[in-house]
Amino acid sequence: MSNTMLIDTLSRGDIAIRYVYQKMFSPEGKLVAVECLSRFDRITVSPDVFFRNVNNSLREDIFIEQLAQAEQHRDWFLDNAVFLTINIDDHILSLLQRHDIAKRIERLEHVHFEVAEYSVSLLSRAPANRLLPLNVSLWLDDFGSGHAGIGAIRGYHFNYVKIDKEFFWHLIEKEHGRQLMQALITFLSKNNHRVIIEGVENEEHQRWLSGMEWFAMQGFYWQEVSIEQLVQEEVII
């Protein structure tokens, strides 16, 4: 049996998960948001492959644990004006409509949800047509990946759009890539989308993006941290 088929049979007790937080910084260097990501120490497939194949029960368990961390540290996020984003797919989006979950999210003014790039059906059906709770804020993840493109922003206005890291790296290598990136960011900004650039890994990447109208940058240039490490940090307001 393949690894991907085995993933569908797993329950929460079968796996060890670490939740880490990847930081997003404004042009001024302020921490403005963090993304909650799952790390699996004893599973050989990538998190992307895991979440493409995991069963809905385990998917829900992981989401509820991420939500619980957001609730536990709610005051830190609000006091420091830092957003927390959690990735969701079609199934979790339907879970947000459950009364008990919707009531929990209502208190979490700092929590936003990223539409994962593998949620092809969610993007194609336009989440605006669904009965979303009024307080749910959706971000479009991986814009430019091939799954999330211009068509994804036609049926729903995402206040935040994240540029796919592979797309970003591709443009860096192109002769006129900087002009193309600047034009794309300007287009999104003029249409009231705040732009986050994923995949920033060094100072050269930062310099390449200087002068553009992005909202934040994110990547392995900054170390992932646990929630305990994050809330010990002093954030410049």
C-alpha atoms as a PDB file:
ATOM      1  CA  MET A   1       0.000   0.000   0.000  1.00  0.00           C
ATOM      2  CA  SER A   2       1.370   3.454  -0.921  1.00  0.00           C
ATOM      3  CA  ASN A   3       2.131   6.166   1.643  1.00  0.00           C
ATOM      4  CA  THR A   4      -0.702   8.319   0.324  1.00  0.00           C
ATOM      5  CA  MET A   5      -3.207   5.485   0.725  1.00  0.00           C
ATOM      6  CA  LEU A   6      -2.002   4.876   4.280  1.00  0.00           C
ATOM      7  CA  ILE A   7      -2.560   8.529   5.169  1.00  0.00           C
ATOM      8  CA  ASP A   8      -6.281   8.095   4.600  1.00  0.00           C
ATOM      9  CA  THR A   9      -6.397   5.430   7.337  1.00  0.00           C
ATOM     10  CA  LEU A  10      -4.662   7.466  10.049  1.00  0.00           C
ATOM     11  CA  SER A  11      -6.310   8.777  13.195  1.00  0.00           C
ATOM     12  CA  ARG A  12      -5.065  11.491  15.547  1.00  0.00           C
ATOM     13  CA  GLY A  13      -3.423   8.972  17.857  1.00  0.00           C
ATOM     14  CA  ASP A  14      -1.287   7.613  15.026  1.00  0.00           C
ATOM     15  CA  ILE A  15       0.742  10.772  14.393  1.00  0.00           C
ATOM     16  CA  ALA A  16       2.852  13.348  16.215  1.00  0.00           C
ATOM     17  CA  ILE A  17       2.256  16.943  15.094  1.00  0.00           C
ATOM     18  CA  ARG A  18       4.165  20.120  15.903  1.00  0.00           C
ATOM     19  CA  TYR A  19       2.454  23.403  15.105  1.00  0.00           C
ATOM     20  CA  VAL A  20       4.881  26.096  14.007  1.00  0.00           C
ATOM     21  CA  TYR A  21       4.339  29.728  13.114  1.00  0.00           C
ATOM     22  CA  GLN A  22       5.852  31.379  10.051  1.00  0.00           C
ATOM     23  CA  LYS A  23       6.154  35.158  10.300  1.00  0.00           C
ATOM     24  CA  MET A  24       5.054  37.884   7.888  1.00  0.00           C
ATOM     25  CA  PHE A  25       6.673  41.333   8.018  1.00  0.00           C
ATOM     26  CA  SER A  26       5.577  44.707   6.678  1.00  0.00           C
ATOM     27  CA  PRO A  27       7.868  46.921   4.538  1.00  0.00           C
ATOM     28  CA  GLU A  28       8.730  48.752   7.781  1.00  0.00           C
ATOM     29  CA  GLY A  29       9.853  45.494   9.401  1.00  0.00           C
ATOM     30  CA  LYS A  30       6.870  45.103  11.741  1.00  0.00           C
ATOM     31  CA  LEU A  31       5.471  41.651  12.448  1.00  0.00           C
ATOM     32  CA  VAL A  32       1.924  41.847  11.055  1.00  0.00           C
ATOM     33  CA  ALA A  33       0.842  38.200  10.803  1.00  0.00           C
ATOM     34  CA  VAL A  34       1.862  34.598  11.323  1.00  0.00           C
ATOM     35  CA  GLU A  35       0.736  31.449   9.531  1.00  0.00           C
ATOM     36  CA  CYS A  36       0.112  28.292  11.557  1.00  0.00           C
ATOM     37  CA  LEU A  37       1.709  25.291   9.841  1.00  0.00           C
ATOM     38  CA  SER A  38       1.817  21.578  10.710  1.00  0.00           C
ATOM     39  CA  ARG A  39       5.056  19.621  10.945  1.00  0.00           C
ATOM     40  CA  PHE A  40       5.085  15.806  11.054  1.00  0.00           C
ATOM     41  CA  ASP A  41       8.242  14.238  12.489  1.00  0.00           C
ATOM     42  CA  ARG A  42       7.542  10.608  11.643  1.00  0.00           C
ATOM     43  CA  ILE A  43       5.796  10.929   8.265  1.00  0.00           C
ATOM     44  CA  THR A  44       7.927  10.865   5.125  1.00  0.00           C
ATOM     45  CA  VAL A  45       5.566  12.767   2.815  1.00  0.00           C
ATOM     46  CA  SER A  46       5.383  16.572   2.680  1.00  0.00           C
ATOM     47  CA  PRO A  47       2.611  18.456   4.520  1.00  0.00           C
ATOM     48  CA  ASP A  48       1.059  19.345   1.137  1.00  0.00           C
ATOM     49  CA  VAL A  49       0.792  15.681   0.162  1.00  0.00           C
ATOM     50  CA  PHE A  50      -0.469  14.792   3.633  1.00  0.00           C
ATOM     51  CA  PHE A  51      -3.348  17.271   3.514  1.00  0.00           C
ATOM     52  CA  ARG A  52      -4.288  16.282  -0.021  1.00  0.00           C
ATOM     53  CA  ASN A  53      -4.847  12.702   1.151  1.00  0.00           C
ATOM     54  CA  VAL A  54      -5.843  12.866   4.811  1.00  0.00           C
ATOM     55  CA  ASN A  55      -9.333  11.762   5.867  1.00  0.00           C
ATOM     56  CA  ASN A  56     -11.846  14.359   7.029  1.00  0.00           C
ATOM     57  CA  SER A  57     -11.901  13.202  10.644  1.00  0.00           C
ATOM     58  CA  LEU A  58      -8.162  13.754  11.120  1.00  0.00           C
ATOM     59  CA  ARG A  59      -8.355  16.965   9.109  1.00  0.00           C
ATOM     60  CA  GLU A  60     -10.950  18.275  11.583  1.00  0.00           C
ATOM     61  CA  ASP A  61      -8.891  17.198  14.604  1.00  0.00           C
ATOM     62  CA  ILE A  62      -5.887  19.174  13.356  1.00  0.00           C
ATOM     63  CA  PHE A  63      -7.995  22.258  12.612  1.00  0.00           C
ATOM     64  CA  ILE A  64      -9.609  22.162  16.077  1.00  0.00           C
ATOM     65  CA  GLU A  65      -6.175  21.962  17.713  1.00  0.00           C
ATOM     66  CA  GLN A  66      -4.978  24.970  15.715  1.00  0.00           C
ATOM     67  CA  LEU A  67      -8.119  26.852  16.700  1.00  0.00           C
ATOM     68  CA  ALA A  68      -7.518  25.989  20.354  1.00  0.00           C
ATOM     69  CA  GLN A  69      -4.018  27.519  20.214  1.00  0.00           C
ATOM     70  CA  ALA A  70      -5.513  30.661  18.676  1.00  0.00           C
ATOM     71  CA  GLU A  71      -8.026  30.848  21.531  1.00  0.00           C
ATOM     72  CA  GLN A  72      -5.454  30.208  24.234  1.00  0.00           C
ATOM     73  CA  HIS A  73      -3.255  33.100  23.063  1.00  0.00           C
ATOM     74  CA  ARG A  74      -5.983  35.446  21.833  1.00  0.00           C
ATOM     75  CA  ASP A  75      -4.914  38.341  24.060  1.00  0.00           C
ATOM     76  CA  TRP A  76      -1.300  38.293  22.789  1.00  0.00           C
ATOM     77  CA  PHE A  77      -2.425  38.544  19.166  1.00  0.00           C
ATOM     78  CA  LEU A  78      -4.900  41.336  19.859  1.00  0.00           C
ATOM     79  CA  ASP A  79      -2.529  43.297  22.112  1.00  0.00           C
ATOM     80  CA  ASN A  80       0.206  43.175  19.457  1.00  0.00           C
ATOM     81  CA  ALA A  81      -2.089  43.685  16.432  1.00  0.00           C
ATOM     82  CA  VAL A  82      -0.835  40.476  14.797  1.00  0.00           C
ATOM     83  CA  PHE A  83      -3.053  38.348  12.548  1.00  0.00           C
ATOM     84  CA  LEU A  84      -3.026  34.559  12.709  1.00  0.00           C
ATOM     85  CA  THR A  85      -3.835  32.591   9.555  1.00  0.00           C
ATOM     86  CA  ILE A  86      -4.951  28.954   9.373  1.00  0.00           C
ATOM     87  CA  ASN A  87      -5.144  26.991   6.128  1.00  0.00           C
ATOM     88  CA  ILE A  88      -8.514  25.557   5.153  1.00  0.00           C
ATOM     89  CA  ASP A  89      -9.964  23.486   2.320  1.00  0.00           C
ATOM     90  CA  ASP A  90     -13.469  22.618   1.134  1.00  0.00           C
ATOM     91  CA  HIS A  91     -14.235  20.386   4.098  1.00  0.00           C
ATOM     92  CA  ILE A  92     -13.026  22.804   6.769  1.00  0.00           C
ATOM     93  CA  LEU A  93     -14.884  25.661   5.093  1.00  0.00           C
ATOM     94  CA  SER A  94     -18.097  23.685   5.597  1.00  0.00           C
ATOM     95  CA  LEU A  95     -17.074  23.101   9.222  1.00  0.00           C
ATOM     96  CA  LEU A  96     -16.913  26.874   9.778  1.00  0.00           C
ATOM     97  CA  GLN A  97     -20.661  26.986   9.173  1.00  0.00           C
ATOM     98  CA  ARG A  98     -21.350  24.760  12.188  1.00  0.00           C
ATOM     99  CA  HIS A  99     -22.926  26.831  14.969  1.00  0.00           C
ATOM    100  CA  ASP A 100     -20.453  25.848  17.707  1.00  0.00           C
ATOM    101  CA  ILE A 101     -17.425  26.534  15.492  1.00  0.00           C
ATOM    102  CA  ALA A 102     -18.870  29.804  14.195  1.00  0.00           C
ATOM    103  CA  LYS A 103     -19.381  31.016  17.784  1.00  0.00           C
ATOM    104  CA  ARG A 104     -15.766  30.222  18.665  1.00  0.00           C
ATOM    105  CA  ILE A 105     -14.459  32.058  15.612  1.00  0.00           C
ATOM    106  CA  GLU A 106     -16.629  35.068  16.413  1.00  0.00           C
ATOM    107  CA  ARG A 107     -14.415  35.785  19.432  1.00  0.00           C
ATOM    108  CA  LEU A 108     -11.200  35.412  17.443  1.00  0.00           C
ATOM    109  CA  GLU A 109     -10.958  38.765  15.719  1.00  0.00           C
ATOM    110  CA  HIS A 110      -7.291  38.106  14.890  1.00  0.00           C
ATOM    111  CA  VAL A 111      -7.851  34.819  13.009  1.00  0.00           C
ATOM    112  CA  HIS A 112      -8.045  34.690   9.211  1.00  0.00           C
ATOM    113  CA  PHE A 113      -8.256  31.646   6.943  1.00  0.00           C
ATOM    114  CA  GLU A 114      -6.113  30.876   3.898  1.00  0.00           C
ATOM    115  CA  VAL A 115      -7.800  29.031   1.044  1.00  0.00           C
ATOM    116  CA  ALA A 116      -5.310  26.254   0.298  1.00  0.00           C
ATOM    117  CA  GLU A 117      -4.076  25.868  -3.283  1.00  0.00           C
ATOM    118  CA  TYR A 118      -5.325  22.260  -3.418  1.00  0.00           C
ATOM    119  CA  SER A 119      -8.903  23.459  -2.780  1.00  0.00           C
ATOM    120  CA  VAL A 120      -9.603  23.572  -6.507  1.00  0.00           C
ATOM    121  CA  SER A 121     -13.338  22.995  -6.175  1.00  0.00           C
ATOM    122  CA  LEU A 122     -13.651  25.685  -3.496  1.00  0.00           C
ATOM    123  CA  LEU A 123     -11.914  28.232  -5.694  1.00  0.00           C
ATOM    124  CA  SER A 124     -13.843  27.310  -8.818  1.00  0.00           C
ATOM    125  CA  ARG A 125     -17.216  27.566  -7.084  1.00  0.00           C
ATOM    126  CA  ALA A 126     -16.476  30.975  -5.540  1.00  0.00           C
ATOM    127  CA  PRO A 127     -16.797  30.927  -1.745  1.00  0.00           C
ATOM    128  CA  ALA A 128     -18.944  34.053  -1.874  1.00  0.00           C
ATOM    129  CA  ASN A 129     -21.813  31.831  -3.008  1.00  0.00           C
ATOM    130  CA  ARG A 130     -21.609  29.795   0.175  1.00  0.00           C
ATOM    131  CA  LEU A 131     -23.271  30.625   3.473  1.00  0.00           C
ATOM    132  CA  LEU A 132     -20.144  31.888   5.214  1.00  0.00           C
ATOM    133  CA  PRO A 133     -20.340  33.363   8.710  1.00  0.00           C
ATOM    134  CA  LEU A 134     -20.076  37.146   8.389  1.00  0.00           C
ATOM    135  CA  ASN A 135     -16.927  37.363  10.509  1.00  0.00           C
ATOM    136  CA  VAL A 136     -14.878  34.873   8.457  1.00  0.00           C
ATOM    137  CA  SER A 137     -11.990  36.476   6.572  1.00  0.00           C
ATOM    138  CA  LEU A 138     -10.603  34.432   3.675  1.00  0.00           C
ATOM    139  CA  TRP A 139      -7.155  34.943   2.149  1.00  0.00           C
ATOM    140  CA  LEU A 140      -6.228  33.574  -1.256  1.00  0.00           C
ATOM    141  CA  ASP A 141      -3.105  31.433  -0.964  1.00  0.00           C
ATOM    142  CA  ASP A 142      -0.575  30.564  -3.698  1.00  0.00           C
ATOM    143  CA  PHE A 143      -1.666  33.086  -6.327  1.00  0.00           C
ATOM    144  CA  GLY A 144       0.234  32.267  -9.506  1.00  0.00           C
ATOM    145  CA  SER A 145       0.604  28.571  -8.729  1.00  0.00           C
ATOM    146  CA  GLY A 146      -1.652  27.514 -11.583  1.00  0.00           C
ATOM    147  CA  HIS A 147      -4.531  26.617  -9.258  1.00  0.00           C
ATOM    148  CA  ALA A 148      -5.047  30.101  -7.838  1.00  0.00           C
ATOM    149  CA  GLY A 149      -5.035  32.745 -10.548  1.00  0.00           C
ATOM    150  CA  ILE A 150      -7.113  35.604 -11.891  1.00  0.00           C
ATOM    151  CA  GLY A 151     -10.194  33.365 -12.082  1.00  0.00           C
ATOM    152  CA  ALA A 152     -10.045  32.823  -8.314  1.00  0.00           C
ATOM    153  CA  ILE A 153     -10.468  36.541  -7.548  1.00  0.00           C
ATOM    154  CA  ARG A 154     -13.366  37.117  -9.942  1.00  0.00           C
ATOM    155  CA  GLY A 155     -16.128  35.554  -7.865  1.00  0.00           C
ATOM    156  CA  TYR A 156     -14.932  36.589  -4.411  1.00  0.00           C
ATOM    157  CA  HIS A 157     -13.002  39.584  -3.131  1.00  0.00           C
ATOM    158  CA  PHE A 158     -10.093  38.324  -1.052  1.00  0.00           C
ATOM    159  CA  ASN A 159      -8.789  41.195   1.067  1.00  0.00           C
ATOM    160  CA  TYR A 160      -5.414  39.441   1.184  1.00  0.00           C
ATOM    161  CA  VAL A 161      -3.668  37.609  -1.677  1.00  0.00           C
ATOM    162  CA  LYS A 162      -0.460  35.605  -1.214  1.00  0.00           C
ATOM    163  CA  ILE A 163       1.903  35.307  -4.177  1.00  0.00           C
ATOM    164  CA  ASP A 164       3.103  31.721  -4.659  1.00  0.00           C
ATOM    165  CA  LYS A 165       6.768  31.239  -3.740  1.00  0.00           C
ATOM    166  CA  GLU A 166       7.591  29.207  -6.868  1.00  0.00           C
ATOM    167  CA  PHE A 167       6.076  31.947  -9.019  1.00  0.00           C
ATOM    168  CA  PHE A 168       8.104  34.563  -7.139  1.00  0.00           C
ATOM    169  CA  TRP A 169      11.338  32.597  -7.634  1.00  0.00           C
ATOM    170  CA  HIS A 170      10.507  32.108 -11.324  1.00  0.00           C
ATOM    171  CA  LEU A 171      10.114  35.854 -11.858  1.00  0.00           C
ATOM    172  CA  ILE A 172      13.414  36.577 -10.114  1.00  0.00           C
ATOM    173  CA  GLU A 173      15.153  34.545 -12.820  1.00  0.00           C
ATOM    174  CA  LYS A 174      13.320  36.273 -15.702  1.00  0.00           C
ATOM    175  CA  GLU A 175      14.944  39.176 -17.556  1.00  0.00           C
ATOM    176  CA  HIS A 176      11.929  41.430 -17.017  1.00  0.00           C
ATOM    177  CA  GLY A 177      10.651  39.595 -13.958  1.00  0.00           C
ATOM    178  CA  ARG A 178      10.840  42.573 -11.630  1.00  0.00           C
ATOM    179  CA  GLN A 179       8.687  44.697 -13.934  1.00  0.00           C
ATOM    180  CA  LEU A 180       6.168  41.841 -14.190  1.00  0.00           C
ATOM    181  CA  MET A 181       6.027  41.420 -10.416  1.00  0.00           C
ATOM    182  CA  GLN A 182       5.655  45.157  -9.891  1.00  0.00           C
ATOM    183  CA  ALA A 183       2.802  45.293 -12.418  1.00  0.00           C
ATOM    184  CA  LEU A 184       1.045  42.335 -10.762  1.00  0.00           C
ATOM    185  CA  ILE A 185       1.341  43.780  -7.257  1.00  0.00           C
ATOM    186  CA  THR A 186       0.147  47.182  -8.480  1.00  0.00           C
ATOM    187  CA  PHE A 187      -2.851  45.565 -10.213  1.00  0.00           C
ATOM    188  CA  LEU A 188      -3.817  43.644  -7.067  1.00  0.00           C
ATOM    189  CA  SER A 189      -3.264  46.650  -4.803  1.00  0.00           C
ATOM    190  CA  LYS A 190      -5.339  48.959  -7.005  1.00  0.00           C
ATOM    191  CA  ASN A 191      -8.147  46.392  -6.748  1.00  0.00           C
ATOM    192  CA  ASN A 192      -7.970  46.500  -2.950  1.00  0.00           C
ATOM    193  CA  HIS A 193      -6.091  43.254  -2.362  1.00  0.00           C
ATOM    194  CA  ARG A 194      -3.290  43.399   0.199  1.00  0.00           C
ATOM    195  CA  VAL A 195      -0.389  41.377  -1.209  1.00  0.00           C
ATOM    196  CA  ILE A 196       1.867  39.003   0.728  1.00  0.00           C
ATOM    197  CA  ILE A 197       4.991  37.646  -1.009  1.00  0.00           C
ATOM    198  CA  GLU A 198       5.865  34.069  -0.047  1.00  0.00           C
ATOM    199  CA  GLY A 199       9.297  32.487  -0.454  1.00  0.00           C
ATOM    200  CA  VAL A 200      11.559  35.270   0.844  1.00  0.00           C
ATOM    201  CA  GLU A 201      14.768  33.483   1.856  1.00  0.00           C
ATOM    202  CA  ASN A 202      17.571  36.033   1.813  1.00  0.00           C
ATOM    203  CA  GLU A 203      18.476  39.719   1.700  1.00  0.00           C
ATOM    204  CA  GLU A 204      18.681  39.633  -2.091  1.00  0.00           C
ATOM    205  CA  HIS A 205      14.998  38.658  -2.241  1.00  0.00           C
ATOM    206  CA  GLN A 206      14.182  41.580   0.043  1.00  0.00           C
ATOM    207  CA  ARG A 207      16.116  44.039  -2.092  1.00  0.00           C
ATOM    208  CA  TRP A 208      14.463  42.715  -5.269  1.00  0.00           C
ATOM    209  CA  LEU A 209      11.040  43.507  -3.779  1.00  0.00           C
ATOM    210  CA  SER A 210      11.932  46.968  -2.468  1.00  0.00           C
ATOM    211  CA  GLY A 211       9.765  49.821  -3.664  1.00  0.00           C
ATOM    212  CA  MET A 212       6.762  47.651  -4.559  1.00  0.00           C
ATOM    213  CA  GLU A 213       3.288  47.989  -3.005  1.00  0.00           C
ATOM    214  CA  TRP A 214       3.196  44.703  -1.079  1.00  0.00           C
ATOM    215  CA  PHE A 215       1.656  44.413   2.389  1.00  0.00           C
ATOM    216  CA  ALA A 216       4.005  41.793   3.837  1.00  0.00           C
ATOM    217  CA  MET A 217       6.694  39.241   3.009  1.00  0.00           C
ATOM    218  CA  GLN A 218       7.058  35.713   4.377  1.00  0.00           C
ATOM    219  CA  GLY A 219       9.594  32.919   4.086  1.00  0.00           C
ATOM    220  CA  PHE A 220      12.435  30.893   5.555  1.00  0.00           C
ATOM    221  CA  TYR A 221      14.603  34.008   5.931  1.00  0.00           C
ATOM    222  CA  TRP A 222      12.881  34.108   9.340  1.00  0.00           C
ATOM    223  CA  GLN A 223      12.905  31.073  11.609  1.00  0.00           C
ATOM    224  CA  GLU A 224       9.697  29.185  12.279  1.00  0.00           C
ATOM    225  CA  VAL A 225       8.762  29.279  15.967  1.00  0.00           C
ATOM    226  CA  SER A 226       6.448  27.450  18.328  1.00  0.00           C
ATOM    227  CA  ILE A 227       3.505  29.278  19.856  1.00  0.00           C
ATOM    228  CA  GLU A 228       5.398  29.375  23.165  1.00  0.00           C
ATOM    229  CA  GLN A 229       8.383  31.089  21.521  1.00  0.00           C
ATOM    230  CA  LEU A 230       6.159  33.473  19.590  1.00  0.00           C
ATOM    231  CA  VAL A 231       4.252  34.851  22.564  1.00  0.00           C
ATOM    232  CA  GLN A 232       7.508  35.476  24.458  1.00  0.00           C
ATOM    233  CA  GLU A 233       8.659  37.888  21.757  1.00  0.00           C
ATOM    234  CA  GLU A 234       8.332  41.643  22.096  1.00  0.00           C
ATOM    235  CA  VAL A 235       6.564  43.043  19.070  1.00  0.00           C
ATOM    236  CA  ILE A 236       7.102  46.640  17.929  1.00  0.00           C
ATOM    237  CA  ILE A 237       3.663  48.222  17.538  1.00  0.00           C
END
